[in-house]
PDB file of N, CA and C in Angstrom:
ATOM      1  N   MET A   1      16.801  -5.373  -7.630  1.00  0.00           N
ATOM      2  CA  MET A   1      15.413  -5.048  -7.453  1.00  0.00           C
ATOM      3  C   MET A   1      15.245  -4.380  -6.088  1.00  0.00           C
ATOM      4  N   LYS A   2      14.617  -3.236  -6.070  1.00  0.00           N
ATOM      5  CA  LYS A   2      14.417  -2.496  -4.830  1.00  0.00           C
ATOM      6  C   LYS A   2      13.123  -2.960  -4.165  1.00  0.00           C
ATOM      7  N   THR A   3      13.199  -3.225  -2.866  1.00  0.00           N
ATOM      8  CA  THR A   3      12.045  -3.697  -2.116  1.00  0.00           C
ATOM      9  C   THR A   3      11.753  -2.721  -0.987  1.00  0.00           C
ATOM     10  N   TYR A   4      10.487  -2.345  -0.876  1.00  0.00           N
ATOM     11  CA  TYR A   4      10.048  -1.395   0.137  1.00  0.00           C
ATOM     12  C   TYR A   4       8.890  -1.997   0.924  1.00  0.00           C
ATOM     13  N   LEU A   5       8.784  -1.590   2.190  1.00  0.00           N
ATOM     14  CA  LEU A   5       7.666  -1.957   3.055  1.00  0.00           C
ATOM     15  C   LEU A   5       7.049  -0.676   3.581  1.00  0.00           C
ATOM     16  N   PHE A   6       5.720  -0.676   3.750  1.00  0.00           N
ATOM     17  CA  PHE A   6       5.104   0.459   4.425  1.00  0.00           C
ATOM     18  C   PHE A   6       4.137  -0.034   5.475  1.00  0.00           C
ATOM     19  N   ILE A   7       4.039   0.766   6.547  1.00  0.00           N
ATOM     20  CA  ILE A   7       3.218   0.408   7.701  1.00  0.00           C
ATOM     21  C   ILE A   7       2.293   1.576   8.009  1.00  0.00           C
ATOM     22  N   LYS A   8       1.027   1.267   8.259  1.00  0.00           N
ATOM     23  CA  LYS A   8       0.044   2.271   8.666  1.00  0.00           C
ATOM     24  C   LYS A   8      -0.203   2.102  10.159  1.00  0.00           C
ATOM     25  N   THR A   9       0.060   3.170  10.932  1.00  0.00           N
ATOM     26  CA  THR A   9      -0.161   3.150  12.375  1.00  0.00           C
ATOM     27  C   THR A   9      -0.901   4.413  12.796  1.00  0.00           C
ATOM     28  N   ASN A  10      -1.291   4.480  14.047  1.00  0.00           N
ATOM     29  CA  ASN A  10      -1.908   5.697  14.575  1.00  0.00           C
ATOM     30  C   ASN A  10      -0.852   6.789  14.703  1.00  0.00           C
ATOM     31  N   SER A  11      -1.248   8.008  14.412  1.00  0.00           N
ATOM     32  CA  SER A  11      -0.321   9.128  14.461  1.00  0.00           C
ATOM     33  C   SER A  11      -0.232   9.713  15.867  1.00  0.00           C
ATOM     34  N   PRO A  12       0.979  10.033  16.337  1.00  0.00           N
ATOM     35  CA  PRO A  12       1.116  10.671  17.638  1.00  0.00           C
ATOM     36  C   PRO A  12       0.862  12.180  17.598  1.00  0.00           C
ATOM     37  N   LYS A  13       0.765  12.752  16.395  1.00  0.00           N
ATOM     38  CA  LYS A  13       0.553  14.195  16.269  1.00  0.00           C
ATOM     39  C   LYS A  13      -0.903  14.551  16.511  1.00  0.00           C
ATOM     40  N   ARG A  14      -1.098  15.684  17.118  1.00  0.00           N
ATOM     41  CA  ARG A  14      -2.454  16.147  17.405  1.00  0.00           C
ATOM     42  C   ARG A  14      -3.158  16.542  16.112  1.00  0.00           C
ATOM     43  N   GLY A  15      -4.380  16.072  15.947  1.00  0.00           N
ATOM     44  CA  GLY A  15      -5.178  16.394  14.775  1.00  0.00           C
ATOM     45  C   GLY A  15      -4.945  15.484  13.591  1.00  0.00           C
ATOM     46  N   MET A  16      -3.996  14.582  13.670  1.00  0.00           N
ATOM     47  CA  MET A  16      -3.713  13.650  12.588  1.00  0.00           C
ATOM     48  C   MET A  16      -4.180  12.256  12.985  1.00  0.00           C
ATOM     49  N   ASP A  17      -4.651  11.502  12.020  1.00  0.00           N
ATOM     50  CA  ASP A  17      -5.198  10.174  12.297  1.00  0.00           C
ATOM     51  C   ASP A  17      -4.218   9.040  12.015  1.00  0.00           C
ATOM     52  N   VAL A  18      -3.447   9.166  10.943  1.00  0.00           N
ATOM     53  CA  VAL A  18      -2.659   8.044  10.444  1.00  0.00           C
ATOM     54  C   VAL A  18      -1.214   8.466  10.197  1.00  0.00           C
ATOM     55  N   ARG A  19      -0.285   7.576  10.513  1.00  0.00           N
ATOM     56  CA  ARG A  19       1.119   7.760  10.155  1.00  0.00           C
ATOM     57  C   ARG A  19       1.517   6.632   9.208  1.00  0.00           C
ATOM     58  N   ILE A  20       2.114   6.996   8.078  1.00  0.00           N
ATOM     59  CA  ILE A  20       2.632   6.037   7.113  1.00  0.00           C
ATOM     60  C   ILE A  20       4.154   6.053   7.224  1.00  0.00           C
ATOM     61  N   SER A  21       4.743   4.917   7.534  1.00  0.00           N
ATOM     62  CA  SER A  21       6.194   4.780   7.626  1.00  0.00           C
ATOM     63  C   SER A  21       6.662   3.855   6.515  1.00  0.00           C
ATOM     64  N   VAL A  22       7.688   4.275   5.774  1.00  0.00           N
ATOM     65  CA  VAL A  22       8.197   3.497   4.648  1.00  0.00           C
ATOM     66  C   VAL A  22       9.622   3.061   4.960  1.00  0.00           C
ATOM     67  N   TYR A  23       9.896   1.769   4.720  1.00  0.00           N
ATOM     68  CA  TYR A  23      11.206   1.181   4.949  1.00  0.00           C
ATOM     69  C   TYR A  23      11.727   0.610   3.641  1.00  0.00           C
ATOM     70  N   ARG A  24      13.024   0.743   3.401  1.00  0.00           N
ATOM     71  CA  ARG A  24      13.658   0.070   2.276  1.00  0.00           C
ATOM     72  C   ARG A  24      14.437  -1.103   2.829  1.00  0.00           C
ATOM     73  N   VAL A  25      14.292  -2.256   2.205  1.00  0.00           N
ATOM     74  CA  VAL A  25      14.975  -3.467   2.651  1.00  0.00           C
ATOM     75  C   VAL A  25      16.311  -3.553   1.924  1.00  0.00           C
ATOM     76  N   LYS A  26      17.389  -3.445   2.694  1.00  0.00           N
ATOM     77  CA  LYS A  26      18.743  -3.595   2.158  1.00  0.00           C
ATOM     78  C   LYS A  26      19.459  -4.657   2.985  1.00  0.00           C
ATOM     79  N   HIS A  27      19.990  -5.646   2.304  1.00  0.00           N
ATOM     80  CA  HIS A  27      20.699  -6.737   2.962  1.00  0.00           C
ATOM     81  C   HIS A  27      19.835  -7.379   4.049  1.00  0.00           C
ATOM     82  N   ASN A  28      18.569  -7.595   3.737  1.00  0.00           N
ATOM     83  CA  ASN A  28      17.580  -8.208   4.625  1.00  0.00           C
ATOM     84  C   ASN A  28      17.344  -7.434   5.912  1.00  0.00           C
ATOM     85  N   GLN A  29      17.630  -6.147   5.925  1.00  0.00           N
ATOM     86  CA  GLN A  29      17.389  -5.291   7.086  1.00  0.00           C
ATOM     87  C   GLN A  29      16.547  -4.098   6.655  1.00  0.00           C
ATOM     88  N   PRO A  30      15.416  -3.833   7.327  1.00  0.00           N
ATOM     89  CA  PRO A  30      14.607  -2.662   6.966  1.00  0.00           C
ATOM     90  C   PRO A  30      15.257  -1.379   7.476  1.00  0.00           C
ATOM     91  N   GLN A  31      15.316  -0.369   6.604  1.00  0.00           N
ATOM     92  CA  GLN A  31      15.861   0.935   6.961  1.00  0.00           C
ATOM     93  C   GLN A  31      14.792   1.979   6.703  1.00  0.00           C
ATOM     94  N   LEU A  32      14.470   2.765   7.723  1.00  0.00           N
ATOM     95  CA  LEU A  32      13.439   3.790   7.595  1.00  0.00           C
ATOM     96  C   LEU A  32      13.898   4.867   6.619  1.00  0.00           C
ATOM     97  N   ILE A  33      13.070   5.158   5.605  1.00  0.00           N
ATOM     98  CA  ILE A  33      13.420   6.225   4.664  1.00  0.00           C
ATOM     99  C   ILE A  33      12.510   7.428   4.812  1.00  0.00           C
ATOM    100  N   GLY A  34      11.357   7.264   5.439  1.00  0.00           N
ATOM    101  CA  GLY A  34      10.484   8.411   5.630  1.00  0.00           C
ATOM    102  C   GLY A  34       9.152   8.029   6.236  1.00  0.00           C
ATOM    103  N   CYS A  35       8.495   9.031   6.802  1.00  0.00           N
ATOM    104  CA  CYS A  35       7.155   8.831   7.335  1.00  0.00           C
ATOM    105  C   CYS A  35       6.385  10.142   7.208  1.00  0.00           C
ATOM    106  N   SER A  36       5.073  10.026   7.170  1.00  0.00           N
ATOM    107  CA  SER A  36       4.233  11.216   7.077  1.00  0.00           C
ATOM    108  C   SER A  36       2.937  10.967   7.844  1.00  0.00           C
ATOM    109  N   ASP A  37       2.405  12.043   8.401  1.00  0.00           N
ATOM    110  CA  ASP A  37       1.167  11.991   9.171  1.00  0.00           C
ATOM    111  C   ASP A  37       0.053  12.645   8.360  1.00  0.00           C
ATOM    112  N   HIS A  38      -1.140  12.051   8.425  1.00  0.00           N
ATOM    113  CA  HIS A  38      -2.266  12.558   7.644  1.00  0.00           C
ATOM    114  C   HIS A  38      -3.564  12.461   8.416  1.00  0.00           C
ATOM    115  N   GLN A  39      -4.478  13.283   7.984  1.00  0.00           N
ATOM    116  CA  GLN A  39      -5.862  13.183   8.428  1.00  0.00           C
ATOM    117  C   GLN A  39      -6.606  12.438   7.330  1.00  0.00           C
ATOM    118  N   THR A  40      -7.330  11.407   7.677  1.00  0.00           N
ATOM    119  CA  THR A  40      -7.919  10.531   6.663  1.00  0.00           C
ATOM    120  C   THR A  40      -9.108  11.152   5.940  1.00  0.00           C
ATOM    121  N   ALA A  41      -9.540  12.321   6.342  1.00  0.00           N
ATOM    122  CA  ALA A  41     -10.663  12.958   5.660  1.00  0.00           C
ATOM    123  C   ALA A  41     -10.271  13.462   4.279  1.00  0.00           C
ATOM    124  N   SER A  42      -8.992  13.732   4.059  1.00  0.00           N
ATOM    125  CA  SER A  42      -8.585  14.301   2.772  1.00  0.00           C
ATOM    126  C   SER A  42      -7.244  13.736   2.323  1.00  0.00           C
ATOM    127  N   TRP A  43      -7.236  12.479   1.943  1.00  0.00           N
ATOM    128  CA  TRP A  43      -6.002  11.912   1.414  1.00  0.00           C
ATOM    129  C   TRP A  43      -6.334  10.837   0.402  1.00  0.00           C
ATOM    130  N   MET A  44      -5.345  10.382  -0.332  1.00  0.00           N
ATOM    131  CA  MET A  44      -5.574   9.450  -1.432  1.00  0.00           C
ATOM    132  C   MET A  44      -5.318   8.001  -1.039  1.00  0.00           C
ATOM    133  N   GLY A  45      -4.902   7.756   0.194  1.00  0.00           N
ATOM    134  CA  GLY A  45      -4.693   6.397   0.649  1.00  0.00           C
ATOM    135  C   GLY A  45      -3.265   6.135   1.055  1.00  0.00           C
ATOM    136  N   GLU A  46      -3.086   5.048   1.807  1.00  0.00           N
ATOM    137  CA  GLU A  46      -1.759   4.768   2.338  1.00  0.00           C
ATOM    138  C   GLU A  46      -0.776   4.319   1.276  1.00  0.00           C
ATOM    139  N   ARG A  47      -1.217   3.543   0.293  1.00  0.00           N
ATOM    140  CA  ARG A  47      -0.298   3.085  -0.762  1.00  0.00           C
ATOM    141  C   ARG A  47       0.199   4.256  -1.607  1.00  0.00           C
ATOM    142  N   THR A  48      -0.688   5.184  -1.936  1.00  0.00           N
ATOM    143  CA  THR A  48      -0.294   6.346  -2.714  1.00  0.00           C
ATOM    144  C   THR A  48       0.671   7.227  -1.937  1.00  0.00           C
ATOM    145  N   GLU A  49       0.463   7.369  -0.643  1.00  0.00           N
ATOM    146  CA  GLU A  49       1.386   8.154   0.179  1.00  0.00           C
ATOM    147  C   GLU A  49       2.741   7.462   0.280  1.00  0.00           C
ATOM    148  N   ALA A  50       2.762   6.144   0.362  1.00  0.00           N
ATOM    149  CA  ALA A  50       4.030   5.408   0.376  1.00  0.00           C
ATOM    150  C   ALA A  50       4.781   5.607  -0.938  1.00  0.00           C
ATOM    151  N   VAL A  51       4.061   5.596  -2.052  1.00  0.00           N
ATOM    152  CA  VAL A  51       4.678   5.842  -3.364  1.00  0.00           C
ATOM    153  C   VAL A  51       5.287   7.240  -3.404  1.00  0.00           C
ATOM    154  N   ARG A  52       4.591   8.241  -2.849  1.00  0.00           N
ATOM    155  CA  ARG A  52       5.107   9.610  -2.835  1.00  0.00           C
ATOM    156  C   ARG A  52       6.378   9.718  -2.005  1.00  0.00           C
ATOM    157  N   ILE A  53       6.425   9.044  -0.849  1.00  0.00           N
ATOM    158  CA  ILE A  53       7.614   9.070   0.000  1.00  0.00           C
ATOM    159  C   ILE A  53       8.799   8.433  -0.726  1.00  0.00           C
ATOM    160  N   ILE A  54       8.579   7.305  -1.399  1.00  0.00           N
ATOM    161  CA  ILE A  54       9.646   6.647  -2.154  1.00  0.00           C
ATOM    162  C   ILE A  54      10.123   7.548  -3.289  1.00  0.00           C
ATOM    163  N   HIS A  55       9.183   8.187  -3.980  1.00  0.00           N
ATOM    164  CA  HIS A  55       9.534   9.100  -5.072  1.00  0.00           C
ATOM    165  C   HIS A  55      10.396  10.255  -4.564  1.00  0.00           C
ATOM    166  N   ASP A  56      10.046  10.819  -3.429  1.00  0.00           N
ATOM    167  CA  ASP A  56      10.806  11.944  -2.879  1.00  0.00           C
ATOM    168  C   ASP A  56      12.181  11.511  -2.368  1.00  0.00           C
ATOM    169  N   PHE A  57      12.290  10.333  -1.766  1.00  0.00           N
ATOM    170  CA  PHE A  57      13.549   9.907  -1.162  1.00  0.00           C
ATOM    171  C   PHE A  57      14.527   9.347  -2.201  1.00  0.00           C
ATOM    172  N   ASP A  58      14.081   8.406  -3.019  1.00  0.00           N
ATOM    173  CA  ASP A  58      14.970   7.731  -3.970  1.00  0.00           C
ATOM    174  C   ASP A  58      14.922   8.299  -5.383  1.00  0.00           C
ATOM    175  N   ARG A  59      14.092   9.298  -5.609  1.00  0.00           N
ATOM    176  CA  ARG A  59      13.978   9.959  -6.923  1.00  0.00           C
ATOM    177  C   ARG A  59      13.615   8.988  -8.046  1.00  0.00           C
ATOM    178  N   ILE A  60      12.802   7.989  -7.716  1.00  0.00           N
ATOM    179  CA  ILE A  60      12.278   7.084  -8.743  1.00  0.00           C
ATOM    180  C   ILE A  60      11.111   7.793  -9.409  1.00  0.00           C
ATOM    181  N   PRO A  61      11.109   7.914 -10.736  1.00  0.00           N
ATOM    182  CA  PRO A  61      10.022   8.648 -11.393  1.00  0.00           C
ATOM    183  C   PRO A  61       8.685   7.936 -11.261  1.00  0.00           C
ATOM    184  N   TYR A  62       7.617   8.731 -11.302  1.00  0.00           N
ATOM    185  CA  TYR A  62       6.274   8.161 -11.297  1.00  0.00           C
ATOM    186  C   TYR A  62       6.035   7.396 -12.587  1.00  0.00           C
ATOM    187  N   GLY A  63       5.091   6.467 -12.533  1.00  0.00           N
ATOM    188  CA  GLY A  63       4.725   5.717 -13.719  1.00  0.00           C
ATOM    189  C   GLY A  63       3.888   6.566 -14.664  1.00  0.00           C
ATOM    190  N   THR A  64       3.581   6.002 -15.804  1.00  0.00           N
ATOM    191  CA  THR A  64       2.745   6.699 -16.777  1.00  0.00           C
ATOM    192  C   THR A  64       1.546   5.826 -17.119  1.00  0.00           C
ATOM    193  N   LYS A  65       0.450   6.492 -17.448  1.00  0.00           N
ATOM    194  CA  LYS A  65      -0.747   5.773 -17.880  1.00  0.00           C
ATOM    195  C   LYS A  65      -0.601   5.402 -19.348  1.00  0.00           C
ATOM    196  N   ARG A  66      -1.555   4.662 -19.868  1.00  0.00           N
ATOM    197  CA  ARG A  66      -1.484   4.235 -21.261  1.00  0.00           C
ATOM    198  C   ARG A  66      -1.528   5.393 -22.244  1.00  0.00           C
ATOM    199  N   ASN A  67      -2.190   6.482 -21.845  1.00  0.00           N
ATOM    200  CA  ASN A  67      -2.258   7.632 -22.746  1.00  0.00           C
ATOM    201  C   ASN A  67      -1.051   8.550 -22.579  1.00  0.00           C
ATOM    202  N   GLY A  68      -0.069   8.158 -21.772  1.00  0.00           N
ATOM    203  CA  GLY A  68       1.167   8.916 -21.625  1.00  0.00           C
ATOM    204  C   GLY A  68       1.155   9.975 -20.545  1.00  0.00           C
ATOM    205  N   THR A  69       0.076  10.085 -19.776  1.00  0.00           N
ATOM    206  CA  THR A  69       0.017  11.092 -18.730  1.00  0.00           C
ATOM    207  C   THR A  69       0.630  10.557 -17.436  1.00  0.00           C
ATOM    208  N   HIS A  70       0.916  11.450 -16.534  1.00  0.00           N
ATOM    209  CA  HIS A  70       1.531  11.164 -15.236  1.00  0.00           C
ATOM    210  C   HIS A  70       0.571  10.361 -14.355  1.00  0.00           C
ATOM    211  N   ASP A  71       1.075   9.336 -13.670  1.00  0.00           N
ATOM    212  CA  ASP A  71       0.270   8.497 -12.781  1.00  0.00           C
ATOM    213  C   ASP A  71       0.932   8.476 -11.406  1.00  0.00           C
ATOM    214  N   SER A  72       0.348   9.170 -10.424  1.00  0.00           N
ATOM    215  CA  SER A  72       0.967   9.260  -9.103  1.00  0.00           C
ATOM    216  C   SER A  72       0.673   8.047  -8.224  1.00  0.00           C
ATOM    217  N   TYR A  73      -0.009   7.039  -8.734  1.00  0.00           N
ATOM    218  CA  TYR A  73      -0.314   5.849  -7.944  1.00  0.00           C
ATOM    219  C   TYR A  73       0.766   4.779  -8.077  1.00  0.00           C
ATOM    220  N   THR A  74       1.650   4.893  -9.055  1.00  0.00           N
ATOM    221  CA  THR A  74       2.681   3.890  -9.278  1.00  0.00           C
ATOM    222  C   THR A  74       4.025   4.561  -9.527  1.00  0.00           C
ATOM    223  N   LEU A  75       5.062   3.761  -9.455  1.00  0.00           N
ATOM    224  CA  LEU A  75       6.411   4.201  -9.790  1.00  0.00           C
ATOM    225  C   LEU A  75       6.858   3.491 -11.056  1.00  0.00           C
ATOM    226  N   ARG A  76       7.805   4.080 -11.773  1.00  0.00           N
ATOM    227  CA  ARG A  76       8.326   3.431 -12.969  1.00  0.00           C
ATOM    228  C   ARG A  76       9.033   2.148 -12.560  1.00  0.00           C
ATOM    229  N   GLY A  77       8.668   1.053 -13.186  1.00  0.00           N
ATOM    230  CA  GLY A  77       9.265  -0.238 -12.876  1.00  0.00           C
ATOM    231  C   GLY A  77       8.589  -0.984 -11.747  1.00  0.00           C
ATOM    232  N   MET A  78       7.476  -0.461 -11.225  1.00  0.00           N
ATOM    233  CA  MET A  78       6.803  -1.139 -10.113  1.00  0.00           C
ATOM    234  C   MET A  78       6.135  -2.414 -10.614  1.00  0.00           C
ATOM    235  N   ILE A  79       6.394  -3.492  -9.903  1.00  0.00           N
ATOM    236  CA  ILE A  79       5.798  -4.772 -10.241  1.00  0.00           C
ATOM    237  C   ILE A  79       4.358  -4.745  -9.756  1.00  0.00           C
ATOM    238  N   GLY A  80       3.419  -5.102 -10.619  1.00  0.00           N
ATOM    239  CA  GLY A  80       2.000  -5.021 -10.298  1.00  0.00           C
ATOM    240  C   GLY A  80       1.546  -6.096  -9.341  1.00  0.00           C
ATOM    241  N   PHE A  81       0.260  -6.031  -8.987  1.00  0.00           N
ATOM    242  CA  PHE A  81      -0.306  -6.977  -8.030  1.00  0.00           C
ATOM    243  C   PHE A  81      -0.294  -8.400  -8.565  1.00  0.00           C
ATOM    244  N   ALA A  82      -0.487  -8.583  -9.871  1.00  0.00           N
ATOM    245  CA  ALA A  82      -0.595  -9.925 -10.435  1.00  0.00           C
ATOM    246  C   ALA A  82       0.722 -10.692 -10.336  1.00  0.00           C
ATOM    247  N   ASN A  83       1.843 -10.019 -10.529  1.00  0.00           N
ATOM    248  CA  ASN A  83       3.123 -10.721 -10.510  1.00  0.00           C
ATOM    249  C   ASN A  83       4.016 -10.269  -9.363  1.00  0.00           C
ATOM    250  N   MET A  84       3.448  -9.715  -8.302  1.00  0.00           N
ATOM    251  CA  MET A  84       4.256  -9.205  -7.194  1.00  0.00           C
ATOM    252  C   MET A  84       4.971 -10.328  -6.451  1.00  0.00           C
ATOM    253  N   TYR A  85       4.349 -11.486  -6.320  1.00  0.00           N
ATOM    254  CA  TYR A  85       4.946 -12.566  -5.547  1.00  0.00           C
ATOM    255  C   TYR A  85       5.637 -13.595  -6.432  1.00  0.00           C
ATOM    256  N   ASP A  86       5.620 -13.390  -7.719  1.00  0.00           N
ATOM    257  CA  ASP A  86       6.218 -14.343  -8.648  1.00  0.00           C
ATOM    258  C   ASP A  86       7.608 -13.869  -9.030  1.00  0.00           C
ATOM    259  N   ASP A  87       8.625 -14.495  -8.478  1.00  0.00           N
ATOM    260  CA  ASP A  87      10.006 -14.129  -8.797  1.00  0.00           C
ATOM    261  C   ASP A  87      10.613 -15.058  -9.840  1.00  0.00           C
ATOM    262  N   SER A  88       9.815 -15.927 -10.431  1.00  0.00           N
ATOM    263  CA  SER A  88      10.361 -16.888 -11.380  1.00  0.00           C
ATOM    264  C   SER A  88      10.665 -16.249 -12.728  1.00  0.00           C
ATOM    265  N   GLY A  89       9.879 -15.266 -13.140  1.00  0.00           N
ATOM    266  CA  GLY A  89      10.069 -14.653 -14.450  1.00  0.00           C
ATOM    267  C   GLY A  89      11.147 -13.600 -14.450  1.00  0.00           C
ATOM    268  N   PRO A  90      11.573 -13.196 -15.640  1.00  0.00           N
ATOM    269  CA  PRO A  90      12.595 -12.155 -15.721  1.00  0.00           C
ATOM    270  C   PRO A  90      11.995 -10.784 -15.392  1.00  0.00           C
ATOM    271  N   HIS A  91      12.665 -10.052 -14.523  1.00  0.00           N
ATOM    272  CA  HIS A  91      12.249  -8.701 -14.170  1.00  0.00           C
ATOM    273  C   HIS A  91      13.344  -7.743 -14.573  1.00  0.00           C
ATOM    274  N   HIS A  92      12.962  -6.523 -14.842  1.00  0.00           N
ATOM    275  CA  HIS A  92      13.936  -5.505 -15.172  1.00  0.00           C
ATOM    276  C   HIS A  92      14.832  -5.260 -13.966  1.00  0.00           C
ATOM    277  N   ARG A  93      16.056  -4.907 -14.214  1.00  0.00           N
ATOM    278  CA  ARG A  93      17.021  -4.672 -13.138  1.00  0.00           C
ATOM    279  C   ARG A  93      16.554  -3.597 -12.164  1.00  0.00           C
ATOM    280  N   ASN A  94      15.835  -2.599 -12.651  1.00  0.00           N
ATOM    281  CA  ASN A  94      15.378  -1.498 -11.810  1.00  0.00           C
ATOM    282  C   ASN A  94      13.942  -1.685 -11.330  1.00  0.00           C
ATOM    283  N   ALA A  95      13.486  -2.916 -11.222  1.00  0.00           N
ATOM    284  CA  ALA A  95      12.125  -3.173 -10.766  1.00  0.00           C
ATOM    285  C   ALA A  95      11.972  -2.765  -9.300  1.00  0.00           C
ATOM    286  N   VAL A  96      10.750  -2.385  -8.929  1.00  0.00           N
ATOM    287  CA  VAL A  96      10.443  -1.918  -7.576  1.00  0.00           C
ATOM    288  C   VAL A  96       9.295  -2.757  -7.027  1.00  0.00           C
ATOM    289  N   ARG A  97       9.467  -3.275  -5.797  1.00  0.00           N
ATOM    290  CA  ARG A  97       8.389  -3.999  -5.124  1.00  0.00           C
ATOM    291  C   ARG A  97       7.978  -3.202  -3.900  1.00  0.00           C
ATOM    292  N   LEU A  98       6.667  -3.142  -3.647  1.00  0.00           N
ATOM    293  CA  LEU A  98       6.131  -2.413  -2.504  1.00  0.00           C
ATOM    294  C   LEU A  98       5.134  -3.313  -1.786  1.00  0.00           C
ATOM    295  N   PHE A  99       5.382  -3.560  -0.493  1.00  0.00           N
ATOM    296  CA  PHE A  99       4.529  -4.417   0.315  1.00  0.00           C
ATOM    297  C   PHE A  99       3.974  -3.633   1.489  1.00  0.00           C
ATOM    298  N   GLU A 100       2.766  -3.990   1.898  1.00  0.00           N
ATOM    299  CA  GLU A 100       2.176  -3.408   3.112  1.00  0.00           C
ATOM    300  C   GLU A 100       2.325  -4.405   4.247  1.00  0.00           C
ATOM    301  N   CYS A 101       2.758  -3.929   5.399  1.00  0.00           N
ATOM    302  CA  CYS A 101       2.889  -4.764   6.593  1.00  0.00           C
ATOM    303  C   CYS A 101       1.924  -4.296   7.646  1.00  0.00           C
ATOM    304  N   SER A 102       1.471  -5.185   8.478  1.00  0.00           N
ATOM    305  CA  SER A 102       0.644  -4.791   9.612  1.00  0.00           C
ATOM    306  C   SER A 102       1.448  -5.045  10.879  1.00  0.00           C
ATOM    307  N   GLY A 103       1.522  -4.046  11.714  1.00  0.00           N
ATOM    308  CA  GLY A 103       2.316  -4.147  12.931  1.00  0.00           C
ATOM    309  C   GLY A 103       3.626  -3.417  12.781  1.00  0.00           C
ATOM    310  N   ALA A 104       4.378  -3.364  13.856  1.00  0.00           N
ATOM    311  CA  ALA A 104       5.634  -2.615  13.873  1.00  0.00           C
ATOM    312  C   ALA A 104       6.812  -3.534  13.559  1.00  0.00           C
ATOM    313  N   LEU A 105       7.808  -2.985  12.887  1.00  0.00           N
ATOM    314  CA  LEU A 105       9.038  -3.715  12.625  1.00  0.00           C
ATOM    315  C   LEU A 105       9.972  -3.593  13.820  1.00  0.00           C
ATOM    316  N   GLN A 106      10.712  -4.625  14.098  1.00  0.00           N
ATOM    317  CA  GLN A 106      11.645  -4.600  15.217  1.00  0.00           C
ATOM    318  C   GLN A 106      13.032  -4.338  14.710  1.00  0.00           C
TER     319      GLN A 106
END
């Protein structure tokens, strides 16, 4: 099961408001896989941007809606909010977990 963390911080770039940094947890160690800077006036949110970074880096396909169309808010195999913290049940081998952290990782 792939586990990712994302952090929202202030952007050091001029004209940008927010930086989203995404880490993949491997062997209990966070590894930076990507970050992007945005202006909050025209974006879809930090979780959606984290999903896009994961999609671009690990080539995990986007999820699909019930009518079969493309859904850029989720990834295929992403564990939903209801069962995100429940590891007791059987999960698919390629399941993806995404958590938001506040503060910087050391």
